[in-house]
């Protein structure tokens, strides 16, 4: 069984890492998420989160972040293995981990094809 943890080396941590992903200008979106992507050389997908105040108050933003991290943790072995992903929620609706996991997997697959044709 593959390891389903989410250690620090799978997080985008610095603003330089986020800037690199945003400057790649490669994104896809659906009804609940916007996902930006850039290739990395690590061989594992990494995740960065941007949850603005438009989504809701601190309680709601933290719930979104927890659900997005869990969706990434569960889907990390189905995602393209050479991508850095920055995820932004679009809606003010309640996050559901299963829906977010499906959305993240679908959008990351599209981005993987777009970046490496």
N, C-alpha and C. Protein backbone atom coordinates (compact mmCIF):
# COMPACT_ATOMS: atom_id res chain seq x y z
N UNK A 1 0.85 -1.18 0.00
CA UNK A 1 0.00 0.00 0.00
C UNK A 1 0.89 1.24 0.00
N UNK A 2 0.62 2.21 -0.88
CA UNK A 2 1.46 3.40 -0.92
C UNK A 2 1.30 4.25 0.33
N UNK A 3 2.35 4.99 0.64
CA UNK A 3 2.36 5.86 1.80
C UNK A 3 1.39 7.02 1.57
N UNK A 4 0.47 7.24 2.49
CA UNK A 4 -0.54 8.29 2.33
C UNK A 4 -0.35 9.43 3.32
N UNK A 5 0.88 9.71 3.69
CA UNK A 5 1.12 10.82 4.59
C UNK A 5 1.30 12.10 3.78
N UNK A 6 1.42 13.21 4.48
CA UNK A 6 1.60 14.50 3.81
C UNK A 6 2.72 15.27 4.52
N UNK A 7 3.98 14.82 4.32
CA UNK A 7 5.11 15.45 5.01
C UNK A 7 5.44 16.83 4.44
N UNK A 8 6.28 17.56 5.16
CA UNK A 8 6.64 18.93 4.79
C UNK A 8 7.24 19.05 3.40
N UNK A 9 7.98 18.04 2.94
CA UNK A 9 8.63 18.18 1.63
C UNK A 9 7.61 18.14 0.48
N UNK A 10 6.35 17.83 0.78
CA UNK A 10 5.30 17.87 -0.24
C UNK A 10 4.50 19.18 -0.21
N UNK A 11 4.90 20.11 0.67
CA UNK A 11 4.25 21.42 0.77
C UNK A 11 5.05 22.45 -0.02
N UNK A 12 4.38 23.37 -0.67
CA UNK A 12 5.04 24.57 -1.17
C UNK A 12 5.08 25.55 0.00
N UNK A 13 6.28 26.00 0.37
CA UNK A 13 6.42 26.78 1.59
C UNK A 13 6.80 28.23 1.37
N UNK A 14 7.69 28.50 0.44
CA UNK A 14 8.21 29.86 0.30
C UNK A 14 7.45 30.63 -0.77
N UNK A 15 7.53 31.94 -0.66
CA UNK A 15 6.86 32.77 -1.67
C UNK A 15 7.52 32.60 -3.03
N UNK A 16 8.80 32.27 -3.07
CA UNK A 16 9.48 32.03 -4.36
C UNK A 16 8.88 30.82 -5.06
N UNK A 17 8.53 29.78 -4.29
CA UNK A 17 7.91 28.59 -4.89
C UNK A 17 6.52 28.92 -5.44
N UNK A 18 5.74 29.71 -4.68
CA UNK A 18 4.43 30.12 -5.16
C UNK A 18 4.56 31.00 -6.40
N UNK A 19 5.51 31.94 -6.37
CA UNK A 19 5.71 32.84 -7.52
C UNK A 19 6.08 32.06 -8.77
N UNK A 20 6.90 31.01 -8.62
CA UNK A 20 7.29 30.20 -9.77
C UNK A 20 6.07 29.53 -10.39
N UNK A 21 5.17 29.03 -9.56
CA UNK A 21 3.96 28.37 -10.07
C UNK A 21 3.04 29.40 -10.74
N UNK A 22 2.84 30.55 -10.10
CA UNK A 22 1.97 31.56 -10.69
C UNK A 22 2.56 32.12 -11.98
N UNK A 23 3.88 32.25 -12.04
CA UNK A 23 4.50 32.82 -13.25
C UNK A 23 4.47 31.84 -14.42
N UNK A 24 4.29 30.54 -14.15
CA UNK A 24 4.16 29.56 -15.24
C UNK A 24 2.86 29.78 -16.02
N UNK A 25 1.88 30.46 -15.40
CA UNK A 25 0.63 30.84 -16.05
C UNK A 25 -0.09 29.66 -16.69
N UNK A 26 -0.14 28.56 -15.97
CA UNK A 26 -0.82 27.36 -16.45
C UNK A 26 -1.88 27.01 -15.41
N UNK A 27 -3.15 27.18 -15.75
CA UNK A 27 -4.20 26.93 -14.77
C UNK A 27 -5.42 26.29 -15.42
N UNK A 28 -6.18 25.63 -14.60
CA UNK A 28 -7.47 25.05 -14.98
C UNK A 28 -8.42 25.29 -13.81
N UNK A 29 -9.72 25.35 -14.11
CA UNK A 29 -10.68 25.55 -13.04
C UNK A 29 -11.97 24.80 -13.33
N UNK A 30 -12.74 24.62 -12.29
CA UNK A 30 -14.09 24.08 -12.41
C UNK A 30 -14.98 24.86 -11.46
N UNK A 31 -16.09 24.30 -11.04
CA UNK A 31 -17.02 25.04 -10.21
C UNK A 31 -16.53 25.39 -8.82
N UNK A 32 -15.59 24.62 -8.28
CA UNK A 32 -15.19 24.89 -6.91
C UNK A 32 -13.70 25.20 -6.73
N UNK A 33 -12.85 24.88 -7.68
CA UNK A 33 -11.41 25.10 -7.51
C UNK A 33 -10.78 25.76 -8.72
N UNK A 34 -9.72 26.51 -8.46
CA UNK A 34 -8.79 26.96 -9.50
C UNK A 34 -7.45 26.35 -9.13
N UNK A 35 -6.82 25.66 -10.07
CA UNK A 35 -5.54 25.00 -9.81
C UNK A 35 -4.50 25.55 -10.78
N UNK A 36 -3.41 26.08 -10.23
CA UNK A 36 -2.26 26.52 -11.01
C UNK A 36 -1.20 25.43 -10.90
N UNK A 37 -0.41 25.25 -11.96
CA UNK A 37 0.60 24.20 -11.94
C UNK A 37 1.87 24.64 -12.63
N UNK A 38 2.97 24.05 -12.17
CA UNK A 38 4.27 24.20 -12.82
C UNK A 38 5.01 22.89 -12.62
N UNK A 39 5.86 22.56 -13.57
CA UNK A 39 6.63 21.32 -13.46
C UNK A 39 7.70 21.45 -12.39
N UNK A 40 7.99 20.33 -11.73
CA UNK A 40 9.13 20.28 -10.82
C UNK A 40 10.01 19.09 -11.20
N UNK A 41 11.17 19.01 -10.60
CA UNK A 41 12.11 17.93 -10.92
C UNK A 41 12.22 16.93 -9.77
N UNK A 42 11.31 17.01 -8.82
CA UNK A 42 11.40 16.17 -7.62
C UNK A 42 10.80 14.78 -7.81
N UNK A 43 9.91 14.64 -8.78
CA UNK A 43 9.28 13.34 -8.99
C UNK A 43 8.09 13.09 -8.09
N UNK A 44 7.68 14.09 -7.31
CA UNK A 44 6.49 13.96 -6.47
C UNK A 44 5.67 15.24 -6.60
N UNK A 45 4.35 15.13 -6.53
CA UNK A 45 3.53 16.35 -6.57
C UNK A 45 3.64 17.10 -5.25
N UNK A 46 3.59 18.42 -5.32
CA UNK A 46 3.61 19.24 -4.11
C UNK A 46 2.41 20.18 -4.14
N UNK A 47 1.96 20.60 -2.95
CA UNK A 47 0.73 21.38 -2.83
C UNK A 47 0.98 22.69 -2.10
N UNK A 48 0.41 23.75 -2.63
CA UNK A 48 0.34 25.04 -1.95
C UNK A 48 -1.10 25.50 -1.95
N UNK A 49 -1.51 26.17 -0.88
CA UNK A 49 -2.90 26.61 -0.75
C UNK A 49 -2.98 28.12 -0.62
N UNK A 50 -3.95 28.71 -1.30
CA UNK A 50 -4.25 30.13 -1.16
C UNK A 50 -5.75 30.23 -0.93
N UNK A 51 -6.13 30.58 0.30
CA UNK A 51 -7.55 30.67 0.64
C UNK A 51 -7.80 32.10 1.11
N UNK A 52 -8.47 32.89 0.29
CA UNK A 52 -8.66 34.31 0.58
C UNK A 52 -9.86 34.53 1.51
N UNK A 53 -9.96 35.76 1.98
CA UNK A 53 -11.07 36.12 2.86
C UNK A 53 -12.41 36.12 2.14
N UNK A 54 -12.40 36.11 0.82
CA UNK A 54 -13.65 36.04 0.06
C UNK A 54 -14.39 34.73 0.33
N UNK A 55 -13.64 33.70 0.73
CA UNK A 55 -14.23 32.38 0.97
C UNK A 55 -15.06 32.39 2.25
N UNK A 56 -14.65 33.18 3.24
CA UNK A 56 -15.39 33.24 4.49
C UNK A 56 -14.50 33.67 5.63
N UNK A 57 -15.00 33.52 6.83
CA UNK A 57 -14.21 33.90 8.00
C UNK A 57 -13.12 32.87 8.28
N UNK A 58 -12.38 33.06 9.34
CA UNK A 58 -11.22 32.21 9.63
C UNK A 58 -11.61 30.75 9.82
N UNK A 59 -12.74 30.50 10.43
CA UNK A 59 -13.19 29.13 10.65
C UNK A 59 -13.43 28.43 9.31
N UNK A 60 -14.10 29.12 8.41
CA UNK A 60 -14.41 28.55 7.10
C UNK A 60 -13.13 28.37 6.29
N UNK A 61 -12.23 29.35 6.32
CA UNK A 61 -10.97 29.24 5.57
C UNK A 61 -10.14 28.06 6.08
N UNK A 62 -10.08 27.89 7.39
CA UNK A 62 -9.30 26.77 7.93
C UNK A 62 -9.94 25.43 7.57
N UNK A 63 -11.26 25.37 7.55
CA UNK A 63 -11.93 24.13 7.13
C UNK A 63 -11.59 23.81 5.67
N UNK A 64 -11.62 24.83 4.80
CA UNK A 64 -11.23 24.62 3.40
C UNK A 64 -9.81 24.07 3.32
N UNK A 65 -8.90 24.66 4.08
CA UNK A 65 -7.50 24.21 4.02
C UNK A 65 -7.36 22.77 4.50
N UNK A 66 -8.05 22.42 5.59
CA UNK A 66 -8.00 21.04 6.08
C UNK A 66 -8.54 20.07 5.04
N UNK A 67 -9.67 20.40 4.43
CA UNK A 67 -10.27 19.52 3.42
C UNK A 67 -9.40 19.41 2.18
N UNK A 68 -8.80 20.51 1.74
CA UNK A 68 -7.92 20.46 0.57
C UNK A 68 -6.67 19.64 0.84
N UNK A 69 -6.08 19.80 2.03
CA UNK A 69 -4.91 18.98 2.38
C UNK A 69 -5.26 17.50 2.42
N UNK A 70 -6.42 17.18 2.98
CA UNK A 70 -6.85 15.78 3.04
C UNK A 70 -7.13 15.23 1.65
N UNK A 71 -7.77 16.03 0.79
CA UNK A 71 -8.02 15.59 -0.58
C UNK A 71 -6.71 15.32 -1.31
N UNK A 72 -5.72 16.20 -1.12
CA UNK A 72 -4.41 16.00 -1.75
C UNK A 72 -3.74 14.75 -1.20
N UNK A 73 -3.80 14.57 0.12
CA UNK A 73 -3.16 13.42 0.75
C UNK A 73 -3.73 12.12 0.20
N UNK A 74 -5.04 12.06 0.03
CA UNK A 74 -5.68 10.85 -0.47
C UNK A 74 -5.44 10.63 -1.96
N UNK A 75 -5.27 11.71 -2.71
CA UNK A 75 -5.15 11.60 -4.17
C UNK A 75 -3.72 11.71 -4.68
N UNK A 76 -2.75 11.89 -3.80
CA UNK A 76 -1.39 12.20 -4.26
C UNK A 76 -0.78 11.14 -5.16
N UNK A 77 -1.20 9.89 -5.04
CA UNK A 77 -0.63 8.83 -5.88
C UNK A 77 -1.34 8.72 -7.24
N UNK A 78 -2.46 9.43 -7.39
CA UNK A 78 -3.17 9.46 -8.67
C UNK A 78 -2.80 10.71 -9.48
N UNK A 79 -2.11 11.66 -8.86
CA UNK A 79 -1.76 12.92 -9.52
C UNK A 79 -0.50 12.76 -10.35
N UNK A 80 -0.33 13.61 -11.38
CA UNK A 80 0.94 13.60 -12.12
C UNK A 80 2.10 13.84 -11.16
N UNK A 81 3.16 13.08 -11.30
CA UNK A 81 4.22 13.06 -10.30
C UNK A 81 5.27 14.16 -10.44
N UNK A 82 5.11 15.06 -11.38
CA UNK A 82 6.14 16.09 -11.57
C UNK A 82 5.55 17.49 -11.51
N UNK A 83 4.49 17.69 -10.72
CA UNK A 83 3.82 18.99 -10.69
C UNK A 83 3.84 19.62 -9.31
N UNK A 84 4.04 20.94 -9.30
CA UNK A 84 3.76 21.75 -8.12
C UNK A 84 2.39 22.37 -8.36
N UNK A 85 1.48 22.20 -7.42
CA UNK A 85 0.11 22.69 -7.57
C UNK A 85 -0.19 23.76 -6.54
N UNK A 86 -0.82 24.83 -6.96
CA UNK A 86 -1.35 25.84 -6.04
C UNK A 86 -2.86 25.84 -6.25
N UNK A 87 -3.59 25.63 -5.18
CA UNK A 87 -5.05 25.46 -5.25
C UNK A 87 -5.73 26.64 -4.56
N UNK A 88 -6.72 27.21 -5.25
CA UNK A 88 -7.53 28.29 -4.71
C UNK A 88 -8.99 27.87 -4.78
N UNK A 89 -9.72 27.90 -3.66
CA UNK A 89 -11.16 27.61 -3.72
C UNK A 89 -11.91 28.77 -4.35
N UNK A 90 -12.96 28.46 -5.13
CA UNK A 90 -13.75 29.49 -5.81
C UNK A 90 -15.03 29.83 -5.08
N UNK A 91 -15.61 28.87 -4.44
CA UNK A 91 -16.97 29.08 -3.94
C UNK A 91 -17.00 29.28 -2.43
N UNK A 92 -18.11 29.81 -1.99
CA UNK A 92 -18.34 29.98 -0.56
C UNK A 92 -19.11 28.80 0.01
N UNK A 93 -19.28 27.75 -0.76
CA UNK A 93 -20.03 26.59 -0.29
C UNK A 93 -19.18 25.79 0.70
N UNK A 94 -19.83 24.86 1.35
CA UNK A 94 -19.13 23.99 2.29
C UNK A 94 -18.23 23.02 1.54
N UNK A 95 -16.98 22.89 1.95
CA UNK A 95 -16.09 21.95 1.27
C UNK A 95 -16.43 20.51 1.65
N UNK A 96 -16.38 19.63 0.67
CA UNK A 96 -16.58 18.19 0.89
C UNK A 96 -15.34 17.49 0.34
N UNK A 97 -14.68 16.72 1.18
CA UNK A 97 -13.40 16.13 0.81
C UNK A 97 -13.50 15.26 -0.44
N UNK A 98 -14.54 14.45 -0.56
CA UNK A 98 -14.67 13.57 -1.72
C UNK A 98 -14.81 14.37 -3.01
N UNK A 99 -15.62 15.43 -2.97
CA UNK A 99 -15.81 16.28 -4.14
C UNK A 99 -14.50 17.00 -4.49
N UNK A 100 -13.81 17.50 -3.47
CA UNK A 100 -12.54 18.20 -3.71
C UNK A 100 -11.49 17.25 -4.26
N UNK A 101 -11.47 16.01 -3.77
CA UNK A 101 -10.50 15.03 -4.26
C UNK A 101 -10.74 14.74 -5.74
N UNK A 102 -12.00 14.56 -6.11
CA UNK A 102 -12.32 14.29 -7.52
C UNK A 102 -11.96 15.49 -8.39
N UNK A 103 -12.28 16.67 -7.92
CA UNK A 103 -11.99 17.88 -8.68
C UNK A 103 -10.48 18.09 -8.82
N UNK A 104 -9.74 17.91 -7.74
CA UNK A 104 -8.28 18.09 -7.76
C UNK A 104 -7.63 17.08 -8.70
N UNK A 105 -8.05 15.83 -8.64
CA UNK A 105 -7.50 14.80 -9.51
C UNK A 105 -7.77 15.11 -10.98
N UNK A 106 -8.99 15.51 -11.28
CA UNK A 106 -9.38 15.82 -12.66
C UNK A 106 -8.59 17.02 -13.20
N UNK A 107 -8.53 18.10 -12.43
CA UNK A 107 -7.83 19.30 -12.89
C UNK A 107 -6.32 19.08 -13.00
N UNK A 108 -5.75 18.34 -12.06
CA UNK A 108 -4.30 18.06 -12.11
C UNK A 108 -3.96 17.20 -13.32
N UNK A 109 -4.83 16.25 -13.65
CA UNK A 109 -4.59 15.42 -14.84
C UNK A 109 -4.61 16.28 -16.10
N UNK A 110 -5.56 17.21 -16.20
CA UNK A 110 -5.61 18.12 -17.34
C UNK A 110 -4.34 18.97 -17.42
N UNK A 111 -3.90 19.48 -16.27
CA UNK A 111 -2.70 20.31 -16.24
C UNK A 111 -1.46 19.51 -16.59
N UNK A 112 -1.40 18.26 -16.13
CA UNK A 112 -0.27 17.40 -16.46
C UNK A 112 -0.16 17.19 -17.96
N UNK A 113 -1.30 17.00 -18.63
CA UNK A 113 -1.29 16.84 -20.09
C UNK A 113 -0.91 18.13 -20.78
N UNK A 114 -1.35 19.25 -20.23
CA UNK A 114 -1.06 20.55 -20.83
C UNK A 114 0.43 20.91 -20.72
N UNK A 115 1.05 20.56 -19.61
CA UNK A 115 2.45 20.91 -19.39
C UNK A 115 3.42 19.96 -20.09
N UNK A 116 3.05 18.70 -20.20
CA UNK A 116 3.95 17.75 -20.87
C UNK A 116 3.17 17.01 -21.96
N UNK A 117 3.07 17.61 -23.14
CA UNK A 117 2.25 17.03 -24.22
C UNK A 117 2.82 15.76 -24.78
